[in-house]
C-alpha atoms as a PDB file:
ATOM      1  CA  MET A   1     -46.153-233.019  51.131  1.00  0.00           C
ATOM      2  CA  LEU A   2     -48.561-231.581  48.572  1.00  0.00           C
ATOM      3  CA  LEU A   3     -47.142-228.117  49.186  1.00  0.00           C
ATOM      4  CA  LYS A   4     -43.598-229.363  48.472  1.00  0.00           C
ATOM      5  CA  LYS A   5     -44.735-230.839  45.143  1.00  0.00           C
ATOM      6  CA  LYS A   6     -46.409-227.565  44.166  1.00  0.00           C
ATOM      7  CA  ILE A   7     -43.293-225.614  45.065  1.00  0.00           C
ATOM      8  CA  LYS A   8     -41.148-227.975  42.968  1.00  0.00           C
ATOM      9  CA  LEU A   9     -43.576-227.728  40.056  1.00  0.00           C
ATOM     10  CA  VAL A  10     -43.334-223.954  40.139  1.00  0.00           C
ATOM     11  CA  LEU A  11     -39.654-223.525  40.990  1.00  0.00           C
ATOM     12  CA  VAL A  12     -38.104-226.025  38.586  1.00  0.00           C
ATOM     13  CA  PRO A  13     -39.572-224.472  35.405  1.00  0.00           C
ATOM     14  CA  LEU A  14     -38.877-220.993  36.770  1.00  0.00           C
ATOM     15  CA  ILE A  15     -35.231-221.856  37.384  1.00  0.00           C
ATOM     16  CA  ILE A  16     -34.947-223.370  33.903  1.00  0.00           C
ATOM     17  CA  ILE A  17     -36.487-220.276  32.339  1.00  0.00           C
ATOM     18  CA  ILE A  18     -34.106-217.957  34.186  1.00  0.00           C
ATOM     19  CA  ILE A  19     -30.857-219.956  34.188  1.00  0.00           C
ATOM     20  CA  LEU A  20     -30.887-221.538  30.721  1.00  0.00           C
ATOM     21  CA  PRO A  21     -30.824-218.296  28.721  1.00  0.00           C
ATOM     22  CA  LEU A  22     -27.982-216.998  30.887  1.00  0.00           C
ATOM     23  CA  ALA A  23     -25.956-220.140  30.257  1.00  0.00           C
ATOM     24  CA  TYR A  24     -26.356-219.830  26.499  1.00  0.00           C
ATOM     25  CA  SER A  25     -26.213-216.059  26.162  1.00  0.00           C
ATOM     26  CA  GLN A  26     -24.371-214.735  23.146  1.00  0.00           C
ATOM     27  CA  GLN A  27     -21.012-213.093  23.421  1.00  0.00           C
ATOM     28  CA  THR A  28     -21.384-210.035  21.227  1.00  0.00           C
ATOM     29  CA  CYS A  29     -18.777-207.663  19.887  1.00  0.00           C
ATOM     30  CA  THR A  30     -18.738-204.823  17.413  1.00  0.00           C
ATOM     31  CA  ALA A  31     -17.333-205.035  13.906  1.00  0.00           C
ATOM     32  CA  SER A  32     -14.932-202.179  14.666  1.00  0.00           C
ATOM     33  CA  GLU A  33     -13.620-204.011  17.763  1.00  0.00           C
ATOM     34  CA  ILE A  34     -12.929-207.078  15.639  1.00  0.00           C
ATOM     35  CA  LYS A  35     -11.219-205.028  12.917  1.00  0.00           C
ATOM     36  CA  ASP A  36      -8.995-203.098  15.338  1.00  0.00           C
ATOM     37  CA  ALA A  37      -8.042-206.222  17.299  1.00  0.00           C
ATOM     38  CA  LEU A  38      -7.309-208.144  14.105  1.00  0.00           C
ATOM     39  CA  ARG A  39      -5.090-205.317  12.833  1.00  0.00           C
ATOM     40  CA  LYS A  40      -3.077-205.441  16.069  1.00  0.00           C
ATOM     41  CA  ALA A  41      -2.831-209.243  15.960  1.00  0.00           C
ATOM     42  CA  LEU A  42      -1.658-209.243  12.342  1.00  0.00           C
ATOM     43  CA  PHE A  43       0.845-206.450  12.938  1.00  0.00           C
ATOM     44  CA  GLU A  44       2.263-208.218  15.988  1.00  0.00           C
ATOM     45  CA  PHE A  45       2.455-211.546  14.152  1.00  0.00           C
ATOM     46  CA  PHE A  46       4.249-210.115  11.116  1.00  0.00           C
ATOM     47  CA  GLU A  47       6.663-208.137  13.291  1.00  0.00           C
ATOM     48  CA  SER A  48       7.545-211.028  15.615  1.00  0.00           C
ATOM     49  CA  PRO A  49       5.794-214.360  14.923  1.00  0.00           C
ATOM     50  CA  THR A  50       7.448-216.158  17.852  1.00  0.00           C
ATOM     51  CA  ASP A  51       6.158-213.575  20.355  1.00  0.00           C
ATOM     52  CA  SER A  52       2.621-213.431  18.950  1.00  0.00           C
ATOM     53  CA  LYS A  53      -0.189-213.737  21.501  1.00  0.00           C
ATOM     54  CA  LEU A  54      -2.309-215.543  18.883  1.00  0.00           C
ATOM     55  CA  SER A  55      -1.213-218.724  17.146  1.00  0.00           C
ATOM     56  CA  VAL A  56      -1.213-219.019  13.361  1.00  0.00           C
ATOM     57  CA  ASN A  57      -4.468-221.018  13.463  1.00  0.00           C
ATOM     58  CA  GLU A  58      -6.093-218.466  15.774  1.00  0.00           C
ATOM     59  CA  ILE A  59      -5.113-215.647  13.420  1.00  0.00           C
ATOM     60  CA  LYS A  60      -6.470-217.603  10.433  1.00  0.00           C
ATOM     61  CA  ASP A  61      -9.729-218.267  12.312  1.00  0.00           C
ATOM     62  CA  PHE A  62     -10.034-214.646  13.457  1.00  0.00           C
ATOM     63  CA  LEU A  63      -9.342-213.346   9.942  1.00  0.00           C
ATOM     64  CA  HIS A  64     -11.892-215.730   8.422  1.00  0.00           C
ATOM     65  CA  PHE A  65     -14.436-214.702  11.074  1.00  0.00           C
ATOM     66  CA  TYR A  66     -13.907-211.011  10.237  1.00  0.00           C
ATOM     67  CA  ILE A  67     -14.103-211.534   6.475  1.00  0.00           C
ATOM     68  CA  SER A  68     -17.189-213.749   6.673  1.00  0.00           C
ATOM     69  CA  SER A  69     -19.077-211.446   9.069  1.00  0.00           C
ATOM     70  CA  ASP A  70     -21.959-209.471   7.590  1.00  0.00           C
ATOM     71  CA  SER A  71     -20.466-206.027   6.937  1.00  0.00           C
ATOM     72  CA  SER A  72     -23.851-204.363   7.439  1.00  0.00           C
ATOM     73  CA  GLN A  73     -24.030-205.603  11.052  1.00  0.00           C
ATOM     74  CA  LEU A  74     -22.612-203.280  13.707  1.00  0.00           C
ATOM     75  CA  VAL A  75     -22.758-205.995  16.380  1.00  0.00           C
ATOM     76  CA  VAL A  76     -21.958-209.643  15.701  1.00  0.00           C
ATOM     77  CA  ASP A  77     -22.154-212.888  17.673  1.00  0.00           C
ATOM     78  CA  CYS A  78     -18.640-213.756  18.860  1.00  0.00           C
ATOM     79  CA  SER A  79     -19.606-216.887  20.778  1.00  0.00           C
ATOM     80  CA  GLY A  80     -18.664-219.269  17.956  1.00  0.00           C
ATOM     81  CA  SER A  81     -15.319-221.037  17.761  1.00  0.00           C
ATOM     82  CA  GLY A  82     -12.690-221.124  15.070  1.00  0.00           C
ATOM     83  CA  PRO A  83     -12.582-224.358  13.057  1.00  0.00           C
ATOM     84  CA  LEU A  84      -8.771-224.548  13.051  1.00  0.00           C
ATOM     85  CA  SER A  85      -7.976-223.529  16.622  1.00  0.00           C
ATOM     86  CA  GLY A  86     -11.213-224.533  18.357  1.00  0.00           C
ATOM     87  CA  LYS A  87     -10.933-221.332  20.391  1.00  0.00           C
ATOM     88  CA  PRO A  88     -13.986-219.053  20.844  1.00  0.00           C
ATOM     89  CA  TYR A  89     -13.814-215.810  18.863  1.00  0.00           C
ATOM     90  CA  TYR A  90     -14.484-213.656  21.925  1.00  0.00           C
ATOM     91  CA  LEU A  91     -11.360-215.106  23.597  1.00  0.00           C
ATOM     92  CA  MET A  92      -9.284-214.350  20.494  1.00  0.00           C
ATOM     93  CA  LEU A  93     -10.693-210.823  20.559  1.00  0.00           C
ATOM     94  CA  GLY A  94      -9.701-210.440  24.213  1.00  0.00           C
ATOM     95  CA  ALA A  95      -6.172-211.714  23.581  1.00  0.00           C
ATOM     96  CA  ALA A  96      -5.731-209.400  20.587  1.00  0.00           C
ATOM     97  CA  ARG A  97      -7.022-206.396  22.546  1.00  0.00           C
ATOM     98  CA  ASN A  98      -4.338-207.046  25.168  1.00  0.00           C
ATOM     99  CA  ILE A  99      -1.455-206.903  22.709  1.00  0.00           C
ATOM    100  CA  ASP A 100       1.017-204.344  24.028  1.00  0.00           C
ATOM    101  CA  ARG A 101       2.601-203.525  20.685  1.00  0.00           C
ATOM    102  CA  GLU A 102       1.139-200.371  19.184  1.00  0.00           C
ATOM    103  CA  ILE A 103       0.462-199.988  15.488  1.00  0.00           C
ATOM    104  CA  PRO A 104       2.918-197.366  14.163  1.00  0.00           C
ATOM    105  CA  LYS A 105       1.738-193.940  13.083  1.00  0.00           C
ATOM    106  CA  CYS A 106       2.559-191.466  10.370  1.00  0.00           C
ATOM    107  CA  GLY A 107       3.879-187.993  11.126  1.00  0.00           C
ATOM    108  CA  ASP A 108       0.388-186.544  11.638  1.00  0.00           C
ATOM    109  CA  GLY A 109      -0.567-189.259  14.168  1.00  0.00           C
ATOM    110  CA  THR A 110      -2.613-191.411  11.768  1.00  0.00           C
ATOM    111  CA  GLU A 111      -2.200-195.172  12.344  1.00  0.00           C
ATOM    112  CA  TYR A 112      -0.793-197.272   9.503  1.00  0.00           C
ATOM    113  CA  GLY A 113      -3.583-198.435   7.218  1.00  0.00           C
ATOM    114  CA  LYS A 114      -6.034-195.652   8.072  1.00  0.00           C
ATOM    115  CA  CYS A 115      -7.223-192.436   6.482  1.00  0.00           C
ATOM    116  CA  SER A 116      -5.867-189.220   7.916  1.00  0.00           C
ATOM    117  CA  SER A 117      -8.213-186.526   9.181  1.00  0.00           C
ATOM    118  CA  ASN A 118      -6.546-184.426   6.468  1.00  0.00           C
ATOM    119  CA  ALA A 119      -8.257-185.938   3.381  1.00  0.00           C
ATOM    120  CA  PRO A 120      -7.303-187.456   0.983  1.00  0.00           C
ATOM    121  CA  ASN A 121      -4.217-188.624   2.897  1.00  0.00           C
ATOM    122  CA  TYR A 122      -3.791-192.284   3.852  1.00  0.00           C
ATOM    123  CA  CYS A 123      -1.044-193.615   6.133  1.00  0.00           C
ATOM    124  CA  TYR A 124       0.901-196.277   4.236  1.00  0.00           C
ATOM    125  CA  GLY A 125       4.372-197.571   5.058  1.00  0.00           C
ATOM    126  CA  GLY A 126       5.106-194.711   7.435  1.00  0.00           C
ATOM    127  CA  ARG A 127       4.202-191.902   5.070  1.00  0.00           C
ATOM    128  CA  LEU A 128       1.045-190.141   3.974  1.00  0.00           C
ATOM    129  CA  GLU A 129      -0.163-190.788   0.426  1.00  0.00           C
ATOM    130  CA  GLU A 130      -3.085-189.257  -1.419  1.00  0.00           C
ATOM    131  CA  ARG A 131      -5.820-191.864  -1.850  1.00  0.00           C
ATOM    132  CA  CYS A 132      -9.035-190.028  -2.567  1.00  0.00           C
ATOM    133  CA  LYS A 133     -10.894-193.170  -3.699  1.00  0.00           C
ATOM    134  CA  LEU A 134     -10.449-194.586  -0.218  1.00  0.00           C
ATOM    135  CA  CYS A 135     -10.361-191.491   1.994  1.00  0.00           C
ATOM    136  CA  GLY A 136     -12.420-188.937   0.079  1.00  0.00           C
ATOM    137  CA  CYS A 137     -11.442-185.370  -0.685  1.00  0.00           C
ATOM    138  CA  SER A 138     -11.313-182.100   1.182  1.00  0.00           C
ATOM    139  CA  LEU A 139     -14.210-179.684   0.744  1.00  0.00           C
ATOM    140  CA  GLY A 140     -14.304-178.138  -2.696  1.00  0.00           C
ATOM    141  CA  GLN A 141     -11.996-180.727  -4.260  1.00  0.00           C
ATOM    142  CA  THR A 142     -12.766-183.589  -6.622  1.00  0.00           C
ATOM    143  CA  CYS A 143     -11.162-186.998  -6.896  1.00  0.00           C
ATOM    144  CA  ASP A 144      -9.307-187.916 -10.082  1.00  0.00           C
ATOM    145  CA  THR A 145      -9.819-191.681 -10.099  1.00  0.00           C
ATOM    146  CA  ALA A 146      -7.025-192.171 -12.647  1.00  0.00           C
ATOM    147  CA  THR A 147      -4.349-190.692 -10.369  1.00  0.00           C
ATOM    148  CA  ASN A 148      -6.160-191.236  -7.025  1.00  0.00           C
ATOM    149  CA  LYS A 149      -5.440-187.570  -6.193  1.00  0.00           C
END
């Protein structure tokens, strides 16, 4: 009987110490994962709102989460939930990652809204535009901030 009590006294706290942190572990994700998933979700929503994998409130929550995240953090806690949808951010991230629709690309293969590997080009509206303030310049060139070229 005394042995059973000692076992319980040792096992119960041990189980609590091991199990509790696992139950409340953070769901983490990277800032770049959030940004890329949000871009896909927004593109899908604006192209075909009725077929969107994320609801309007989920997109609003996900956008607010991205904007309010500390930009200096590479990894963020995604275990919170959106105030409008009540859905956890990591589930929104998963749904957005699984969107089949691809973001269109410019002629050189650069996705819309990103800098080309051929600086200072930026893919905007299906064509490459010079945007040195955003994308930088090629070696040996300088950026004219007045013209952005």
